[in-house]
Amino acid sequence: MDTFKTQFMMSDVRTYVTVDLLADKTFGCTLNLVDFFEGDEVPTDNANYDLKISQREDGTWEQAGTPKVHLSTVDLQRLGKAIEELG
């Protein structure tokens, strides 16, 4: 499983996220409320993601399954773009 870290703007707040590749174009995301580069990282739990995100055929992103955290459409697309930039 590939795991990486990225950040995106969620409701105008820089948000750090740990991302696990689950399947082709599907990712498990754990939001971190602090900068994980400062050492206060929250470890991911494979069965306990804050949300799962997948990319549609048209390139847009959608939440998959039942998320713990609901993102606005704009924030969801920002998270997807951050994931794409690292891929």
Protein backbone atom coordinates (compact mmCIF):
# COMPACT_ATOMS: atom_id res chain seq x y z
CA MET A 1 0.00 0.00 0.00
CA ASP A 2 1.38 3.42 -0.91
CA THR A 3 1.12 6.06 1.81
CA PHE A 4 2.00 9.72 1.40
CA LYS A 5 1.32 13.08 2.98
CA THR A 6 0.01 16.26 1.37
CA GLN A 7 -1.87 19.42 2.23
CA PHE A 8 -4.77 21.39 0.78
CA MET A 9 -6.91 24.38 1.66
CA MET A 10 -10.15 23.30 3.36
CA SER A 11 -12.51 26.21 4.02
CA ASP A 12 -9.53 28.60 3.73
CA VAL A 13 -7.54 26.67 6.36
CA ARG A 14 -4.38 24.76 5.42
CA THR A 15 -5.19 21.14 6.19
CA TYR A 16 -2.66 18.32 6.32
CA VAL A 17 -3.69 14.85 5.25
CA THR A 18 -2.16 11.38 5.23
CA VAL A 19 -3.27 9.43 2.17
CA ASP A 20 -3.24 5.68 1.49
CA LEU A 21 -3.71 4.32 -2.01
CA LEU A 22 -6.49 1.73 -1.66
CA ALA A 23 -7.17 0.86 -5.29
CA ASP A 24 -6.78 2.46 -8.68
CA LYS A 25 -7.88 6.11 -8.21
CA THR A 26 -9.30 5.44 -4.72
CA PHE A 27 -7.63 6.79 -1.60
CA GLY A 28 -8.19 6.59 2.17
CA CYS A 29 -7.58 9.97 3.83
CA THR A 30 -6.85 10.88 7.45
CA LEU A 31 -6.99 14.60 8.21
CA ASN A 32 -4.35 15.95 10.58
CA LEU A 33 -5.20 19.05 12.56
CA VAL A 34 -1.54 19.95 13.04
CA ASP A 35 1.44 20.18 10.72
CA PHE A 36 2.74 16.60 10.58
CA PHE A 37 6.18 17.95 9.69
CA GLU A 38 6.36 19.30 13.26
CA GLY A 39 6.08 15.82 14.76
CA ASP A 40 2.49 15.79 16.05
CA GLU A 41 1.25 13.40 13.43
CA VAL A 42 -1.84 11.27 13.93
CA PRO A 43 -1.11 7.74 12.66
CA THR A 44 -3.47 6.27 10.11
CA ASP A 45 -5.58 3.23 10.81
CA ASN A 46 -6.48 1.35 7.64
CA ALA A 47 -10.05 0.70 8.77
CA ASN A 48 -10.62 4.12 10.31
CA TYR A 49 -10.15 6.79 7.61
CA ASP A 50 -11.83 10.16 7.92
CA LEU A 51 -12.98 9.75 4.34
CA LYS A 52 -12.31 7.85 1.15
CA ILE A 53 -12.05 9.71 -2.13
CA SER A 54 -12.10 8.38 -5.68
CA GLN A 55 -11.62 9.95 -9.07
CA ARG A 56 -14.43 9.71 -11.61
CA GLU A 57 -13.90 9.02 -15.29
CA ASP A 58 -14.32 12.75 -16.05
CA GLY A 59 -11.44 13.61 -13.70
CA THR A 60 -13.55 15.05 -10.87
CA TRP A 61 -13.45 13.62 -7.36
CA GLU A 62 -16.16 12.15 -5.14
CA GLN A 63 -16.37 10.75 -1.64
CA ALA A 64 -16.65 6.98 -1.50
CA GLY A 65 -18.45 5.04 1.19
CA THR A 66 -19.64 6.63 4.41
CA PRO A 67 -17.21 9.38 5.51
CA LYS A 68 -16.64 10.61 9.05
CA VAL A 69 -15.85 14.03 7.61
CA HIS A 70 -17.98 15.62 4.89
CA LEU A 71 -16.14 18.02 2.61
CA SER A 72 -17.77 20.67 0.47
CA THR A 73 -17.60 20.07 -3.28
CA VAL A 74 -14.89 22.73 -3.62
CA ASP A 75 -12.79 21.28 -0.77
CA LEU A 76 -13.20 17.76 -2.15
CA GLN A 77 -11.85 18.89 -5.53
CA ARG A 78 -8.94 20.68 -3.81
CA LEU A 79 -8.04 17.49 -1.95
CA GLY A 80 -8.23 15.52 -5.19
CA LYS A 81 -5.96 18.04 -6.93
CA ALA A 82 -3.42 17.77 -4.09
CA ILE A 83 -3.45 13.98 -4.48
CA GLU A 84 -3.05 14.25 -8.26
CA GLU A 85 -0.06 16.58 -7.92
CA LEU A 86 1.82 13.93 -5.95
CA GLY A 87 0.85 11.10 -8.29
